[in-house]
Structure formats: structure tokens, C-alpha cells
């Protein structure tokens, strides 16, 4: 006899599968293929490179690779033609068991830039598994008193395939006593019962042998068989009867041992010992079920014995026999179906791969940092996992596929602000309460050369004494670079230019590593008073970045020039003079100017301020002459008489005010003559001088007023300049700064001298320029011109500050 279940449900499922397959479209980087199980090695699956939009020539340079969860050797890609093929035997039942859906999920990763594609290969089931019975023989005991239509449960077969390949129908070999009845449970499983067509007679036959055949729905059909051995027992009219033939129980997983599953109750219409019932597991119950549950033979209570794990098995079918205690016992049968309810007892699992570290700080937004794969063994909401990031990080998560995320850059990076990020990724399921797992990803930011070296200030002022030794360290520049490693390695160099006719590098040099500035040769204040230079700082990045700083090097004067004597009538630039000879009338009165010694000093300031002394005569004799301390005018101290030597030889010492003092000696020869022998030109000169004396006085008044006004302006300017410079730190090298004198008083009055020197400015490409004004009134010369005074003023100003020198000198011409 043969039984065929209804084919309507099969047709509906097949139609639904075809509609879903037709509606499937790859998206979001997903490609779908299918391959039958048990396909041979080399079986074509798909042109994966072409379908992903990749060129064949870029597969190897971009490190094309395929990874799969679980076994990764089942499929392989030929990098020469981009074809995905079967590499080893694929057994669908081994991969997915009885699951209706079975797919291999592949991650295709290419570098430069990093891209991730998701490929799903569906493994199609073929009818490669025949139906199997757990036992080769099933034994039944039937009382001969059992009436027609009595039913006896049978163990069905199972098929590891799915779909139509696993849909079984059963056939029982033809006989006169039994036929087969197949029912479908709510879980769409087959319930087999052997139905007695007519009572059996033990005396006629004590044993019946039948063959039960299971046939699947595959093409070609596969079959499995089991022998049914039926022993006919004698006497006992009523078998125990359960309230239901099938009991459905729901039980939470991880229920503790001793938890009551169900209490069964069966009744027997017999009397006495034939009514007493014992509850037992049927011999159809598998050992793994017996390891999870235990039944009380007297009460019929089924309790939990072992660990119940929904992820291991979520459905248990337990066949129970109720046997009376008759010498010829009768048995009642029922089935208990235990469904486990999932609990949120599995934390999500997280796998982080393809880390692209470190990340350059100039990386564009959207750069993929890492790939994250999530999974949870629970089902339903307990297995739905979401992924979040720690707050306040410049990254975000992008979902690329179900339970697949990419960690990408969300905002610009700045290594100088934050060099390393500890990114905490949290995976949380939808259970109640939810379970979560965390993973920390340390993202290091790689430096790029985006910061130029910077100096503390744009300009420095350096004071150096002249006549410094060659190679003297005069200053150190220092620049800071916020970058790291070679990008922060700063080297210094001199910005070359011409200083007059010479190169700047002939004066100074800069050490490339330390930034020390050295004077290569002695500097001369009289030749070069201000040297302006620029030092460049460059880092070692690619491309290099740099900046410049300006140094104002002021060469301070030292007293290295002795006073130089001028001959009578010579200008400021005249050569050195010899002895001064002069005729002096004995009739001149006291205080009469008879001669004048003139000298200049190439130095500046105090070093160029000259004073005159008359060297004492030998033997201590007093001379009738004296010399003006600051004018150099030689005049009589008393009226000359006959006792005075007719030839007077005077030695005048000309000294500057430097340290140490420099001295020059002038010799003045005076010849004393009577009035009658005095030169006539002398009286004419005297008359002319007398006539012009009022005019000279007027000129001197105007000059003094003008000089006072200019001096006031220069002093105010100097005070303003000094106040602006006070905030700048003093910069001095190994060559120290000289002494500074502010106010001096002398016999000719008070005069101001600034802390700065008059300068020769060397700041451009042309020859050095001296901003100098010499103001000298023209006056007639003569030995008798006692009141003829020449005032000379030096006034200096340049673009870096005002250098003032008001220095009156009085000469007798």
C-alpha cells in the first residue's frame, strides 16, 4: 500500500521561492550566486570580478582576496580570469543541517583604496540523502484481543535534504491484518500509525513481519526501509489510554534541573493489577532526549534532567508508553512535543578585520578604517544586533550589509591636536535585558607636514662689540615645528644677499642644526654699524615648509682709534698735522688766544669726545700759556714780559674719553716778538675780526636755538623707541655689549648722548650709506680772533630707530 501527502503546500512553497528569487536584486555591494551541493572541483560559479566592476588587471595589484565565515576553502577565485569556482566538496547538510536556507557569505576585499564587497552563494540542495530509519527493526507487541482499528505508533524516517527532496511518503507491503495511516502534525511532521484491520489470532500466527518503505520526493526517488516485527500477545482486554495523543509543551531554555515539563495521566478500564499503570519512555526515544529529560514511572511527571540550549536543539519529541501491570501488559501511547523558548543568553560576537592603520591626518572623509562583523547565536529580537561608537570621535559606522559595518572617517583629523584615538565599538542585542560586548580600536594618526617652523618673534635685535674674534657666537635662533619625526626636524640657513660689494655670508654664518649665528670676521664699527640679515628655518618634510626671522645686528663702538691732529686751516677730513708755529706779540694781554690745536677721532660718542691738556714744562716752571680743555685754544694766562723766553715750545696732549684712553701729542711753537715786529696782517685781521664779531654772535644764537629744537625732537623720539623696545627680551651673544652713558657734563655745558650709536646702515643691496649731517659755519681765521667760535653738530637718524649725538666742539680758527 502507498500513501502520498497533499502536494498543495509543496506547490505553494515552490512558487513563493521562485517569486523571491526573481525579486532578488544585488544591492549595497552584494552579488548573489547559486551552486548545487556536491559540485565537482572547478565548477563555474560566477564571473565575480566582472560582476563587482573590477578590471582583471587590477586584481593582483589591489591584493584581491576572498574570505568566508567558517570554512574558507570551499570556493576560490582564479585571479587570471576573475571566475569564482568550486574548490572542494560542498555538503549542504554538513554546512547548514536541516535549515531551509543555506548560503556561503563571502567578503571580497581589495586594497588601494580599501573596498569591501559582499557576495552570497546559495548552496542548492540535491537529492543525495535517502530516507533513514533510526533502527533497522521495529518490534511491536499486540494482544490478540485488540479490536479492529486499534492503532500502534511507528517511528518515521528522516531525510537530511530539504524541500521536495525531504518530503516523504510511506508504503507498507500488502497484508491482511494491517494498514498504514499517516497524519501531519502542526509542525508539519509525519505521524505514522499502524492500524489493525481485523483482530489477530495468536494461535494462528504468533508473529507478523512487515516491510515499511519511505520514499522521498526527489528525482530520482530515494528510499529507505525498516522491518516491522509484530508479536501477538495473549489476553488483557483494555490498554491504558491518555487524555491526548499529542501533548505540546513550551519550555524556556536553560531551565534548571528538576523543572516540571508536564504531568501525564493515562487511565485503564480494567480492574485490579491490570489497571495499575507504569509510565516509560518508548523505545523510539533517542538517547540524546533521555539525557535531557527523565520520567517518573509512577506519577507520569516529566522533568528536566540536563542542560537545555535553544541554539543546540529547539524541539524535542518524546514518545511515552503507559503500560499496565498485567502479566500480559497492554500499552497506551502518546507523544510529548517540547518546544524551547529562546532566552537572551548569548552575548553578541564582534570581529574586527582589515585595519588600515595608522591613518594620515590629511585622509579624506569616508576613508575606511576597519571592517566589523557582528553575530549573535540567539534568535528573534535576542539575535538582532546593533553597533554604536564611543562619542566625540571623528569616526562613524556605516552599515554595508546585515550585521556588517565599516568604520569610516567622519571629520578632519589633526595630529597636533589628538595623535591617537581609543575608539570603543559596542555591539548590543535586542533582548531584555540586552547583552552587549565591546572592543577597543586604537587609531593612530600619522603625521603629515602641515606646520611650518615658527619663531617666537619675527625680529631680534643683537648688539656686538666691534673687533670681535673670528668665529664669535653672537646669537642663537630657535624655531619650533608642531609636526613629528622628520617633519619636525628643523635646519637653519642664511638668506644670502649682497652687503655692498660683499656677500652676506662673508660676514656671518648659521649652524644648520643648532641655529647658532657666528661672526666670521672681526666687525668694524667705523665700516659697518648695522648689519641686517635673515635666517631661514626649514623642516625635513616633503614638501618642506619654512619661515624666516630678521636679525638686526648693531656693531658697538670700541675705543680703537686715537685722536688725529689736523693742520691749521684743514677740514675735518684733513690729514695729520705737524708742529704749529705762531708769532705772538709781547704786548697782548691776559686771555688772548694765540693759537688753536685741532683734532678729530674716528670713533663715536665718548670715544670721540676729545679734551686738551698742556703738558707741564720741564723743571716745573710755569708757562704763561694755557689750553682750553675742550676747545684746544691756546691763550695767555698773564701779560707777557721781557723775562719770558722768546721761543716757547708747548706740548698739547689730545685725549679721548674711551677706555682705555687714546692720546695724541701736538707741538706748538710760539715766537714772542715786540709789537713793532708783529705782522701787519695781524692788525688787519684783528680789525676785520672786530668788525664781524657782532655778526658771528647772531649766527651762534640762531644755531644754538636750532640745535636745541632738533635735540628735543630727537630725545622724544628716542624715548618712544626705547619704550617700544622694552618689551623685547635682550639678545646678546658671546660678544658682550659695551658700556652705555646717558648724560655727561663738562666745562662747556651739559650734552645728551643716546644709548644707541650713530650708525652706518647696511640694509639694502647698494653700498653702505651714512646718514650724517655736518654743520660748520665759515668764519675768518687768525691768531687774534679770540671770539671766533665754530660749532659742529653730528645728527644721525635711520629707519630702525633714532641714533642721536649732540656734540659741540669749539675751535679757535
Foldseek 3Di string as FASTA:
>chain_A
DWDDDDCVVLVVVVVVVVVVVVPDDDDLQEAEWEDEAQDDAFAFIAQQCVVSVHDLVCCVVQVKDKAWPDDRQQWDADSNRSTITGHDGGDQCVQPWADPWDWIWMWIWTPPPTDIHIYIYTHDYALPWAWEFPDQAAEAEAELQDAFFDKDWDGDTATRTYRQSTAKMKAKPDDDFWDWDWDADPVRDITIIIGTHGGDDCVVPQKDKMKMKIWGRHVVIHIDIHIYIYGYHYDDNWAKEWPDQEAEWEAAFQDDWPAWTDWTDIFTPDDDQLTQKFKDWDPSADPVVVCFWDAHRRGRTITGRDGGDVLVPFKGKTKMWIWGRDPGIHIYIHIYIYGYDYALPWAKDKDKDDADPAAALADDWFRFGIKMAIFTSTDDQSTQKDKAKDPDDQWGWDDSDRRIITITGRDGGDCLVPFKDFIKMKIWTRHVVIHIDIDTDIHGYAYALPWAWDFPDQEAEWEFEFPDAAFFFWFATDTATSTDDQSGQKFKWWDWAAFAPHIPVQQWTAGGRGRTITGRHGHAQLAFFWDKTKMKIWTRGVVIHIDIHIYIYGHDWALPWAKAWAAPPDDPPHHHDAAAEFEDELADFFFFFQFFTDIFTSTFDQSTQKFKFKDADPPRDDDQWTAHGFARTITGHGRGDPPDDQKDKIKMWIWGRGVVIHIDIYIYIYGYDHPVPDDPVQVVVVVVLVVCVVVQVVVVVVVVVVVVVVVVVQVVQQVVLVVVCPPPDHTTGPRDHDDADAWDADPVGIDGFDRGIQGFDRDDNHHTDHQWDWDWDDDDADRRNSPNWIWIAIAHQDDNGGGGDGHTGTYHD
